[in-house]
Amino acid sequence: MRALWGSTHPGPTVVVTVLTLALGAAVGLEPWRIVVLTASVFAGQVSVGISNDVIDAARDRAVGRTDKPIARGDVSARTAWIAAWVTVAAALALSAILSAAMLAAHAIGLAAAWAYNAGLKSSVFSPVPFVVFFGLLPSFATLSAPDPAFAEPWAGVAGAVLGVAVHLTNVLPDLDDDARTSVRGLPHRLGARLSAVLAVLSLLVGAVVVLLGIADGDLAHIAPVTWVFFGATAIVAVLTLVQALRRPPSRTLFRLVMLAGVLLAAQLVVSGGGLAA
């Protein structure tokens, strides 16, 4: 079980799950709906993480990734595949409890994520699954309501650009290993510095989109807490942009981009009351 959990990409899995829970609470879902929604997205993210590692096991062994339990042999490929299929089935079954629309949206998001694992990661279209999944993520909460509805378009745009930033940033630490195993997604073609710059610019765009979406043309009615998160996102993004332009890519740059991404996600959460279209 420890090896399987280590194969789920625990950090991103927990972050996406907590973000989903927060969005569900922000739009005012009933407690039982929040629990089912959170469990559904958690199961889906577990399936995505495990399927990624079992598909990449041979590549991970080739580059000596000792942090990968499946590549180390701590869990068999058969067990990993069973876990991945069981959890994706559980994710869809839980989504169906909430609404048919939520089931359809989550199925599309998970299909995109699995497609990335299955090969899109090595193409110029590698950001597309992230755009699809994160673009739908705000709607997971609104589609789980008693009267399902997609989130406002601006929320979907903000989620999509967050997904782009997550993708461009997530691969930065692994560019060299990926190059050795012929993985050449869009960030690999752009290079570490340009990928980091584009990730930061995406986050800035997302912060502005959320702010203008909440305002609906009237900035005077934006809550102070929203301004706080917008300002924090913008400040960290600008500092990260300066770092990306002036210094070679590093772990510090990776952490700064992720911090800006978390702040944008928080800005999206505090706007939860206005998410439903």
Protein backbone atom coordinates (compact mmCIF):
# COMPACT_ATOMS: atom_id res chain seq x y z
CA MET A 1 0.00 0.00 0.00
CA ARG A 2 2.87 2.37 0.78
CA ALA A 3 4.40 1.65 -2.64
CA LEU A 4 1.07 2.25 -4.39
CA TRP A 5 0.57 5.52 -2.54
CA GLY A 6 4.08 6.58 -3.53
CA SER A 7 3.10 5.92 -7.16
CA THR A 8 0.11 8.28 -7.08
CA HIS A 9 2.25 11.44 -7.25
CA PRO A 10 1.05 12.27 -3.72
CA GLY A 11 1.83 15.98 -3.80
CA PRO A 12 -0.21 16.92 -6.89
CA THR A 13 -2.92 14.41 -5.93
CA VAL A 14 -3.40 16.02 -2.52
CA VAL A 15 -3.25 19.57 -3.91
CA VAL A 16 -5.91 18.93 -6.57
CA THR A 17 -8.09 17.11 -4.03
CA VAL A 18 -7.87 19.92 -1.47
CA LEU A 19 -8.56 22.50 -4.19
CA THR A 20 -11.66 20.55 -5.18
CA LEU A 21 -12.85 20.36 -1.58
CA ALA A 22 -12.33 24.11 -1.18
CA LEU A 23 -14.21 24.88 -4.40
CA GLY A 24 -17.08 22.65 -3.28
CA ALA A 25 -17.32 24.48 0.02
CA ALA A 26 -16.97 27.86 -1.69
CA VAL A 27 -19.99 27.26 -3.95
CA GLY A 28 -22.06 26.17 -0.96
CA LEU A 29 -22.50 22.45 -1.62
CA GLU A 30 -24.17 20.34 1.05
CA PRO A 31 -21.67 18.45 3.24
CA TRP A 32 -22.47 15.04 1.74
CA ARG A 33 -21.99 16.41 -1.76
CA ILE A 34 -18.61 17.87 -0.78
CA VAL A 35 -17.55 14.48 0.61
CA VAL A 36 -18.60 12.60 -2.54
CA LEU A 37 -17.07 15.22 -4.85
CA THR A 38 -13.78 15.19 -2.96
CA ALA A 39 -13.64 11.39 -2.87
CA SER A 40 -14.41 11.22 -6.59
CA VAL A 41 -11.64 13.63 -7.59
CA PHE A 42 -9.20 11.99 -5.17
CA ALA A 43 -9.86 8.56 -6.70
CA GLY A 44 -9.45 10.00 -10.17
CA GLN A 45 -6.13 11.61 -9.31
CA VAL A 46 -4.88 8.37 -7.76
CA SER A 47 -5.70 6.56 -11.01
CA VAL A 48 -3.90 9.19 -13.07
CA GLY A 49 -0.77 9.08 -10.91
CA ILE A 50 -0.51 5.30 -10.80
CA SER A 51 -1.19 4.89 -14.53
CA ASN A 52 1.51 7.46 -15.26
CA ASP A 53 4.11 5.59 -13.23
CA VAL A 54 3.24 2.13 -14.53
CA ILE A 55 3.37 3.35 -18.14
CA ASP A 56 6.69 5.10 -17.47
CA ALA A 57 8.24 2.29 -15.41
CA ALA A 58 10.72 1.21 -18.09
CA ARG A 59 11.80 4.82 -18.77
CA ASP A 60 12.15 5.48 -15.04
CA ARG A 61 14.39 2.44 -14.63
CA ALA A 62 16.48 3.55 -17.59
CA VAL A 63 17.31 6.87 -15.94
CA GLY A 64 17.70 5.46 -12.42
CA ARG A 65 14.60 6.99 -10.84
CA THR A 66 14.95 5.36 -7.43
CA ASP A 67 12.10 7.51 -6.10
CA LYS A 68 9.58 5.59 -8.23
CA PRO A 69 8.20 2.49 -6.40
CA ILE A 70 7.02 0.69 -9.56
CA ALA A 71 10.36 1.23 -11.30
CA ARG A 72 12.11 -0.08 -8.16
CA GLY A 73 9.95 -3.21 -8.20
CA ASP A 74 8.26 -2.47 -4.87
CA VAL A 75 4.89 -3.09 -6.52
CA SER A 76 4.19 -5.16 -9.62
CA ALA A 77 2.86 -3.69 -12.85
CA ARG A 78 -0.17 -6.00 -12.60
CA THR A 79 -1.06 -4.72 -9.14
CA ALA A 80 -0.54 -1.14 -10.25
CA TRP A 81 -2.82 -1.56 -13.28
CA ILE A 82 -5.54 -3.14 -11.14
CA ALA A 83 -5.32 -0.23 -8.70
CA ALA A 84 -5.44 2.32 -11.53
CA TRP A 85 -8.54 0.79 -13.16
CA VAL A 86 -10.34 0.25 -9.84
CA THR A 87 -9.78 3.84 -8.76
CA VAL A 88 -10.85 5.34 -12.09
CA ALA A 89 -14.03 3.24 -11.95
CA ALA A 90 -14.64 4.43 -8.38
CA ALA A 91 -14.11 8.04 -9.46
CA LEU A 92 -16.73 7.75 -12.19
CA ALA A 93 -19.19 5.88 -9.98
CA LEU A 94 -18.96 8.58 -7.32
CA SER A 95 -19.36 11.30 -9.94
CA ALA A 96 -22.54 9.62 -11.19
CA ILE A 97 -24.06 9.98 -7.71
CA LEU A 98 -23.75 13.76 -8.00
CA SER A 99 -25.15 14.27 -11.52
CA ALA A 100 -24.96 12.94 -15.06
CA ALA A 101 -23.27 16.18 -16.10
CA MET A 102 -20.61 15.76 -13.41
CA LEU A 103 -20.03 12.19 -14.59
CA ALA A 104 -19.55 13.37 -18.17
CA ALA A 105 -17.26 16.26 -17.23
CA HIS A 106 -15.10 14.12 -14.93
CA ALA A 107 -14.91 11.35 -17.56
CA ILE A 108 -13.65 13.85 -20.13
CA GLY A 109 -11.10 15.26 -17.68
CA LEU A 110 -9.80 11.82 -16.72
CA ALA A 111 -9.69 10.67 -20.35
CA ALA A 112 -7.52 13.69 -21.13
CA ALA A 113 -5.20 12.94 -18.19
CA TRP A 114 -4.84 9.28 -19.15
CA ALA A 115 -4.20 10.31 -22.78
CA TYR A 116 -1.32 12.45 -21.55
CA ASN A 117 0.15 9.46 -19.73
CA ALA A 118 -0.37 7.22 -22.75
CA GLY A 119 1.60 9.36 -25.17
CA LEU A 120 0.50 12.98 -25.50
CA LYS A 121 3.27 13.94 -23.07
CA SER A 122 5.73 13.30 -25.90
CA SER A 123 4.02 15.58 -28.40
CA VAL A 124 3.72 19.29 -29.03
CA PHE A 125 0.15 18.95 -27.73
CA SER A 126 1.30 17.98 -24.24
CA PRO A 127 -0.44 20.98 -22.54
CA VAL A 128 -3.86 20.05 -23.97
CA PRO A 129 -4.81 17.48 -21.26
CA PHE A 130 -3.94 20.02 -18.56
CA VAL A 131 -6.05 22.68 -20.27
CA VAL A 132 -8.98 20.26 -20.47
CA PHE A 133 -8.80 18.91 -16.91
CA PHE A 134 -8.06 22.16 -15.09
CA GLY A 135 -10.44 24.07 -17.33
CA LEU A 136 -13.21 21.72 -16.17
CA LEU A 137 -12.10 21.66 -12.51
CA PRO A 138 -14.17 24.71 -11.36
CA SER A 139 -17.21 23.12 -13.03
CA PHE A 140 -16.77 19.92 -11.02
CA ALA A 141 -18.03 21.87 -8.02
CA THR A 142 -20.92 23.61 -9.78
CA LEU A 143 -21.97 20.42 -11.60
CA SER A 144 -22.21 18.67 -8.22
CA ALA A 145 -24.95 21.02 -7.01
CA PRO A 146 -28.65 19.99 -6.88
CA ASP A 147 -29.14 22.13 -10.01
CA PRO A 148 -26.01 21.28 -12.02
CA ALA A 149 -24.52 24.05 -14.14
CA PHE A 150 -21.14 24.73 -15.67
CA ALA A 151 -19.00 27.35 -14.00
CA GLU A 152 -18.75 30.84 -15.46
CA PRO A 153 -16.53 30.96 -18.59
CA TRP A 154 -13.96 33.12 -16.81
CA ALA A 155 -13.53 30.40 -14.17
CA GLY A 156 -12.88 27.83 -16.87
CA VAL A 157 -10.32 30.12 -18.52
CA ALA A 158 -8.59 30.67 -15.18
CA GLY A 159 -8.49 26.92 -14.56
CA ALA A 160 -7.13 26.29 -18.06
CA VAL A 161 -4.26 28.75 -17.75
CA LEU A 162 -3.49 27.32 -14.31
CA GLY A 163 -3.27 23.93 -16.01
CA VAL A 164 -0.84 25.31 -18.58
CA ALA A 165 1.34 26.72 -15.81
CA VAL A 166 1.22 23.45 -13.87
CA HIS A 167 2.32 21.48 -16.93
CA LEU A 168 5.10 23.86 -17.97
CA THR A 169 6.41 23.92 -14.40
CA ASN A 170 5.93 20.28 -13.47
CA VAL A 171 8.36 19.01 -16.11
CA LEU A 172 11.16 21.48 -15.36
CA PRO A 173 13.01 19.24 -12.86
CA ASP A 174 12.85 16.25 -15.25
CA LEU A 175 13.86 17.80 -18.58
CA ASP A 176 17.24 16.05 -18.71
CA ASP A 177 15.86 12.63 -17.75
CA ASP A 178 13.03 13.02 -20.25
CA ALA A 179 15.48 13.89 -23.02
CA ARG A 180 17.33 10.62 -22.39
CA THR A 181 14.11 8.62 -22.87
CA SER A 182 12.79 10.49 -25.94
CA VAL A 183 10.01 12.37 -24.14
CA ARG A 184 9.66 15.67 -26.01
CA GLY A 185 6.54 17.55 -25.04
CA LEU A 186 6.06 21.26 -25.62
CA PRO A 187 8.16 22.35 -22.59
CA HIS A 188 11.07 20.20 -23.81
CA ARG A 189 10.93 21.91 -27.18
CA LEU A 190 10.70 25.37 -25.66
CA GLY A 191 13.45 24.87 -23.07
CA ALA A 192 13.43 25.44 -19.33
CA ARG A 193 13.74 29.23 -19.33
CA LEU A 194 11.01 29.95 -21.90
CA SER A 195 8.72 27.36 -20.28
CA ALA A 196 9.13 29.08 -16.91
CA VAL A 197 8.44 32.50 -18.43
CA LEU A 198 5.30 31.26 -20.18
CA ALA A 199 4.13 29.56 -16.96
CA VAL A 200 4.46 32.82 -15.04
CA LEU A 201 2.68 34.81 -17.76
CA SER A 202 -0.13 32.22 -17.73
CA LEU A 203 -0.56 32.70 -13.99
CA LEU A 204 -0.67 36.48 -14.38
CA VAL A 205 -3.34 36.12 -17.06
CA GLY A 206 -5.29 33.78 -14.78
CA ALA A 207 -5.14 36.23 -11.87
CA VAL A 208 -6.45 39.06 -14.05
CA VAL A 209 -9.19 36.86 -15.53
CA VAL A 210 -10.43 35.87 -12.06
CA LEU A 211 -10.37 39.46 -10.86
CA LEU A 212 -12.29 40.78 -13.88
CA GLY A 213 -14.67 37.82 -13.81
CA ILE A 214 -15.62 38.44 -10.19
CA ALA A 215 -15.92 42.19 -10.78
CA ASP A 216 -18.33 41.77 -13.72
CA GLY A 217 -17.36 45.26 -14.81
CA ASP A 218 -17.37 46.84 -11.34
CA LEU A 219 -14.02 46.63 -9.52
CA ALA A 220 -15.46 48.57 -6.58
CA HIS A 221 -17.46 45.56 -5.43
CA ILE A 222 -14.53 43.14 -5.22
CA ALA A 223 -13.99 41.84 -1.69
CA PRO A 224 -10.72 42.85 0.04
CA VAL A 225 -9.64 39.20 0.41
CA THR A 226 -9.80 38.80 -3.37
CA TRP A 227 -7.55 41.82 -3.82
CA VAL A 228 -5.13 40.32 -1.30
CA PHE A 229 -4.80 37.05 -3.21
CA PHE A 230 -4.62 38.87 -6.54
CA GLY A 231 -1.83 41.10 -5.23
CA ALA A 232 0.06 38.16 -3.74
CA THR A 233 -0.22 36.18 -6.99
CA ALA A 234 0.95 39.16 -9.05
CA ILE A 235 3.89 39.93 -6.76
CA VAL A 236 5.16 36.34 -6.68
CA ALA A 237 4.64 36.02 -10.44
CA VAL A 238 6.62 39.17 -11.19
CA LEU A 239 9.46 38.11 -8.87
CA THR A 240 9.49 34.71 -10.56
CA LEU A 241 9.57 36.32 -13.99
CA VAL A 242 12.59 38.41 -12.98
CA GLN A 243 14.32 35.29 -11.65
CA ALA A 244 13.55 33.37 -14.85
CA LEU A 245 14.98 36.12 -17.05
CA ARG A 246 18.10 36.87 -15.01
CA ARG A 247 19.25 33.47 -13.72
CA PRO A 248 19.54 29.89 -15.03
CA PRO A 249 16.50 27.68 -14.28
CA SER A 250 16.67 26.13 -10.82
CA ARG A 251 14.62 24.40 -8.12
CA THR A 252 13.97 27.83 -6.61
CA LEU A 253 12.34 28.93 -9.86
CA PHE A 254 10.22 25.77 -9.85
CA ARG A 255 9.06 26.44 -6.28
CA LEU A 256 8.25 30.09 -7.02
CA VAL A 257 6.08 29.19 -10.00
CA MET A 258 4.25 26.59 -7.93
CA LEU A 259 3.71 29.14 -5.14
CA ALA A 260 2.17 31.56 -7.65
CA GLY A 261 -0.02 28.72 -8.89
CA VAL A 262 -1.25 27.94 -5.38
CA LEU A 263 -2.06 31.62 -4.82
CA LEU A 264 -4.03 31.73 -8.08
CA ALA A 265 -5.94 28.63 -6.98
CA ALA A 266 -6.71 30.34 -3.66
CA GLN A 267 -7.91 33.43 -5.54
CA LEU A 268 -10.25 31.18 -7.53
CA VAL A 269 -11.56 29.57 -4.32
CA VAL A 270 -12.38 32.85 -2.57
CA SER A 271 -14.42 33.80 -5.63
CA GLY A 272 -16.45 30.59 -5.25
CA GLY A 273 -19.78 32.31 -4.66
CA GLY A 274 -19.71 33.71 -8.19
CA LEU A 275 -18.53 30.57 -10.00
CA ALA A 276 -21.89 29.20 -11.08
CA ALA A 277 -23.13 30.44 -14.44
